């Protein structure tokens, strides 16, 4: 699917699936929008792996530095959704 056709809900679903793949011990209901990936137990390697997976699945080309200041999961979803347009 072309990136321009990706809804915010689809981006959130891809993010949840990515978190589940990298952090399988995190319950789905623990993934809240106001949490940071670190709050879920993701270390720096986990976070890089998730970002690379997200970029690949959403067919985006974005520098890793773009993700360093995103405060929480909601901000990450918003950021990715905006890049998909």
N, C-alpha and C. Protein backbone atom coordinates (compact mmCIF):
# COMPACT_ATOMS: atom_id res chain seq x y z
N UNK A 1 0.84 -1.18 0.00
CA UNK A 1 0.00 0.00 0.00
C UNK A 1 0.88 1.24 0.00
N UNK A 2 0.58 2.21 -0.85
CA UNK A 2 1.38 3.44 -0.88
C UNK A 2 1.27 4.17 0.44
N UNK A 3 2.36 4.80 0.86
CA UNK A 3 2.39 5.49 2.14
C UNK A 3 1.28 6.52 2.25
N UNK A 4 0.91 7.17 1.16
CA UNK A 4 -0.11 8.21 1.21
C UNK A 4 -1.49 7.66 1.56
N UNK A 5 -1.68 6.37 1.47
CA UNK A 5 -2.97 5.75 1.78
C UNK A 5 -3.05 5.24 3.21
N UNK A 6 -2.06 5.50 4.03
CA UNK A 6 -1.99 4.95 5.37
C UNK A 6 -2.73 5.88 6.35
N UNK A 7 -3.72 5.33 7.04
CA UNK A 7 -4.47 6.10 8.04
C UNK A 7 -3.69 6.12 9.36
N UNK A 8 -4.08 7.03 10.23
CA UNK A 8 -3.47 7.09 11.56
C UNK A 8 -3.68 5.76 12.30
N UNK A 9 -4.85 5.19 12.15
CA UNK A 9 -5.15 3.92 12.81
C UNK A 9 -4.24 2.80 12.29
N UNK A 10 -3.97 2.82 10.99
CA UNK A 10 -3.08 1.82 10.41
C UNK A 10 -1.66 1.99 10.93
N UNK A 11 -1.22 3.23 11.07
CA UNK A 11 0.12 3.50 11.61
C UNK A 11 0.19 2.98 13.05
N UNK A 12 -0.84 3.25 13.83
CA UNK A 12 -0.86 2.78 15.22
C UNK A 12 -0.84 1.26 15.28
N UNK A 13 -1.58 0.60 14.40
CA UNK A 13 -1.58 -0.86 14.36
C UNK A 13 -0.19 -1.40 14.02
N UNK A 14 0.46 -0.80 13.03
CA UNK A 14 1.82 -1.23 12.67
C UNK A 14 2.76 -1.03 13.85
N UNK A 15 2.61 0.07 14.56
CA UNK A 15 3.45 0.33 15.73
C UNK A 15 3.21 -0.72 16.80
N UNK A 16 1.96 -1.03 17.09
CA UNK A 16 1.64 -2.04 18.10
C UNK A 16 2.20 -3.42 17.70
N UNK A 17 2.07 -3.77 16.45
CA UNK A 17 2.61 -5.05 15.97
C UNK A 17 4.14 -5.07 16.09
N UNK A 18 4.76 -3.94 15.81
CA UNK A 18 6.21 -3.84 15.90
C UNK A 18 6.67 -3.97 17.34
N UNK A 19 5.98 -3.29 18.24
CA UNK A 19 6.32 -3.40 19.66
C UNK A 19 6.17 -4.84 20.12
N UNK A 20 5.09 -5.49 19.72
CA UNK A 20 4.87 -6.90 20.10
C UNK A 20 5.95 -7.82 19.56
N UNK A 21 6.45 -7.52 18.37
CA UNK A 21 7.50 -8.35 17.77
C UNK A 21 8.82 -8.19 18.51
N UNK A 22 9.14 -6.95 18.92
CA UNK A 22 10.43 -6.68 19.56
C UNK A 22 10.37 -6.93 21.06
N UNK A 23 9.21 -6.65 21.66
CA UNK A 23 9.03 -6.81 23.11
C UNK A 23 7.84 -7.73 23.37
N UNK A 24 7.98 -9.03 23.08
CA UNK A 24 6.82 -9.93 23.17
C UNK A 24 6.25 -10.08 24.58
N UNK A 25 6.99 -9.71 25.61
CA UNK A 25 6.49 -9.85 26.98
C UNK A 25 5.62 -8.68 27.42
N UNK A 26 5.52 -7.64 26.60
CA UNK A 26 4.71 -6.48 26.95
C UNK A 26 3.26 -6.76 26.57
N UNK A 27 2.35 -6.71 27.56
CA UNK A 27 0.93 -6.92 27.24
C UNK A 27 0.39 -5.80 26.35
N UNK A 28 -0.51 -6.13 25.46
CA UNK A 28 -1.07 -5.15 24.52
C UNK A 28 -1.71 -3.97 25.25
N UNK A 29 -2.34 -4.23 26.39
CA UNK A 29 -3.01 -3.13 27.10
C UNK A 29 -2.03 -2.21 27.83
N UNK A 30 -0.76 -2.59 27.87
CA UNK A 30 0.27 -1.73 28.49
C UNK A 30 0.78 -0.68 27.50
N UNK A 31 0.46 -0.84 26.23
CA UNK A 31 0.93 0.10 25.20
C UNK A 31 -0.04 1.26 25.14
N UNK A 32 0.28 2.29 25.91
CA UNK A 32 -0.57 3.49 25.98
C UNK A 32 0.12 4.65 25.29
N UNK A 33 -0.68 5.53 24.74
CA UNK A 33 -0.15 6.65 23.97
C UNK A 33 0.72 7.60 24.74
N UNK A 34 0.51 7.69 26.05
CA UNK A 34 1.29 8.63 26.85
C UNK A 34 2.60 8.04 27.36
N UNK A 35 2.91 6.82 26.98
CA UNK A 35 4.15 6.18 27.41
C UNK A 35 5.22 6.31 26.34
N UNK A 36 6.45 6.29 26.80
CA UNK A 36 7.61 6.26 25.90
C UNK A 36 7.98 4.79 25.72
N UNK A 37 8.67 4.48 24.65
CA UNK A 37 9.09 3.09 24.44
C UNK A 37 9.96 2.59 25.59
N UNK A 38 10.71 3.48 26.20
CA UNK A 38 11.52 3.09 27.37
C UNK A 38 10.63 2.63 28.52
N UNK A 39 9.46 3.25 28.67
CA UNK A 39 8.53 2.86 29.73
C UNK A 39 8.05 1.42 29.57
N UNK A 40 8.12 0.92 28.34
CA UNK A 40 7.71 -0.46 28.06
C UNK A 40 8.87 -1.43 28.22
N UNK A 41 10.05 -0.92 28.53
CA UNK A 41 11.22 -1.76 28.72
C UNK A 41 12.15 -1.83 27.53
N UNK A 42 11.92 -0.99 26.53
CA UNK A 42 12.77 -1.00 25.33
C UNK A 42 14.08 -0.27 25.61
N UNK A 43 15.18 -0.96 25.39
CA UNK A 43 16.47 -0.29 25.51
C UNK A 43 16.81 0.37 24.17
N UNK A 44 17.97 0.98 24.08
CA UNK A 44 18.31 1.73 22.86
C UNK A 44 18.37 0.83 21.63
N UNK A 45 18.84 -0.38 21.78
CA UNK A 45 18.90 -1.30 20.63
C UNK A 45 17.48 -1.69 20.20
N UNK A 46 16.61 -1.96 21.17
CA UNK A 46 15.22 -2.28 20.86
C UNK A 46 14.55 -1.13 20.11
N UNK A 47 14.79 0.09 20.57
CA UNK A 47 14.15 1.26 19.94
C UNK A 47 14.64 1.44 18.51
N UNK A 48 15.92 1.27 18.28
CA UNK A 48 16.44 1.37 16.91
C UNK A 48 15.83 0.28 16.04
N UNK A 49 15.75 -0.92 16.56
CA UNK A 49 15.15 -2.02 15.79
C UNK A 49 13.70 -1.70 15.45
N UNK A 50 12.95 -1.17 16.41
CA UNK A 50 11.55 -0.82 16.15
C UNK A 50 11.43 0.27 15.09
N UNK A 51 12.24 1.29 15.20
CA UNK A 51 12.18 2.38 14.23
C UNK A 51 12.51 1.88 12.83
N UNK A 52 13.54 1.07 12.71
CA UNK A 52 13.90 0.53 11.40
C UNK A 52 12.77 -0.34 10.83
N UNK A 53 12.14 -1.13 11.70
CA UNK A 53 11.02 -1.96 11.25
C UNK A 53 9.85 -1.08 10.80
N UNK A 54 9.56 -0.02 11.57
CA UNK A 54 8.47 0.88 11.22
C UNK A 54 8.73 1.56 9.88
N UNK A 55 9.94 2.05 9.71
CA UNK A 55 10.28 2.72 8.45
C UNK A 55 10.13 1.76 7.28
N UNK A 56 10.56 0.53 7.47
CA UNK A 56 10.45 -0.47 6.41
C UNK A 56 8.99 -0.79 6.11
N UNK A 57 8.21 -1.06 7.14
CA UNK A 57 6.81 -1.44 6.93
C UNK A 57 5.97 -0.31 6.36
N UNK A 58 6.33 0.93 6.70
CA UNK A 58 5.56 2.07 6.20
C UNK A 58 6.16 2.69 4.95
N UNK A 59 7.25 2.09 4.47
CA UNK A 59 7.93 2.55 3.24
C UNK A 59 8.35 4.02 3.35
N UNK A 60 8.98 4.34 4.49
CA UNK A 60 9.44 5.70 4.73
C UNK A 60 10.95 5.75 4.75
N UNK A 61 11.49 6.91 4.44
CA UNK A 61 12.93 7.15 4.50
C UNK A 61 13.11 8.39 5.37
N UNK A 62 13.47 8.17 6.61
CA UNK A 62 13.58 9.25 7.59
C UNK A 62 14.85 9.02 8.41
N UNK A 63 15.63 10.06 8.67
CA UNK A 63 16.83 9.87 9.48
C UNK A 63 16.49 9.48 10.92
N UNK A 64 17.32 8.65 11.51
CA UNK A 64 17.11 8.20 12.89
C UNK A 64 17.04 9.38 13.86
N UNK A 65 17.76 10.43 13.57
CA UNK A 65 17.78 11.59 14.46
C UNK A 65 16.41 12.24 14.59
N UNK A 66 15.53 12.02 13.64
CA UNK A 66 14.18 12.58 13.68
C UNK A 66 13.35 12.04 14.84
N UNK A 67 13.75 10.90 15.37
CA UNK A 67 12.96 10.23 16.39
C UNK A 67 13.42 10.52 17.81
N UNK A 68 14.53 11.20 17.97
CA UNK A 68 15.14 11.35 19.29
C UNK A 68 14.35 12.21 20.26
N UNK A 69 13.55 13.13 19.77
CA UNK A 69 12.85 14.05 20.67
C UNK A 69 11.35 13.78 20.80
N UNK A 70 10.89 12.67 20.30
CA UNK A 70 9.47 12.34 20.41
C UNK A 70 9.18 11.86 21.83
N UNK A 71 8.27 12.54 22.54
CA UNK A 71 8.10 12.27 23.96
C UNK A 71 7.32 11.01 24.32
N UNK A 72 6.48 10.52 23.40
CA UNK A 72 5.66 9.36 23.75
C UNK A 72 5.15 8.66 22.49
N UNK A 73 4.41 7.60 22.71
CA UNK A 73 3.90 6.79 21.60
C UNK A 73 2.94 7.59 20.72
N UNK A 74 2.08 8.40 21.34
CA UNK A 74 1.18 9.24 20.54
C UNK A 74 1.95 10.14 19.58
N UNK A 75 3.01 10.75 20.09
CA UNK A 75 3.82 11.64 19.25
C UNK A 75 4.50 10.85 18.13
N UNK A 76 4.91 9.63 18.42
CA UNK A 76 5.53 8.78 17.41
C UNK A 76 4.52 8.44 16.32
N UNK A 77 3.31 8.08 16.70
CA UNK A 77 2.27 7.77 15.72
C UNK A 77 1.97 9.00 14.87
N UNK A 78 1.83 10.14 15.50
CA UNK A 78 1.55 11.38 14.76
C UNK A 78 2.67 11.69 13.77
N UNK A 79 3.90 11.58 14.24
CA UNK A 79 5.06 11.85 13.39
C UNK A 79 5.07 10.93 12.18
N UNK A 80 4.90 9.63 12.40
CA UNK A 80 4.91 8.68 11.29
C UNK A 80 3.74 8.92 10.35
N UNK A 81 2.57 9.19 10.90
CA UNK A 81 1.40 9.43 10.05
C UNK A 81 1.61 10.66 9.17
N UNK A 82 2.18 11.72 9.73
CA UNK A 82 2.45 12.91 8.93
C UNK A 82 3.43 12.62 7.81
N UNK A 83 4.40 11.74 8.05
CA UNK A 83 5.38 11.40 7.02
C UNK A 83 4.77 10.53 5.93
N UNK A 84 3.67 9.85 6.26
CA UNK A 84 3.01 8.97 5.28
C UNK A 84 2.15 9.76 4.29
N UNK A 85 1.94 11.02 4.52
CA UNK A 85 1.08 11.82 3.64
C UNK A 85 1.85 12.33 2.45
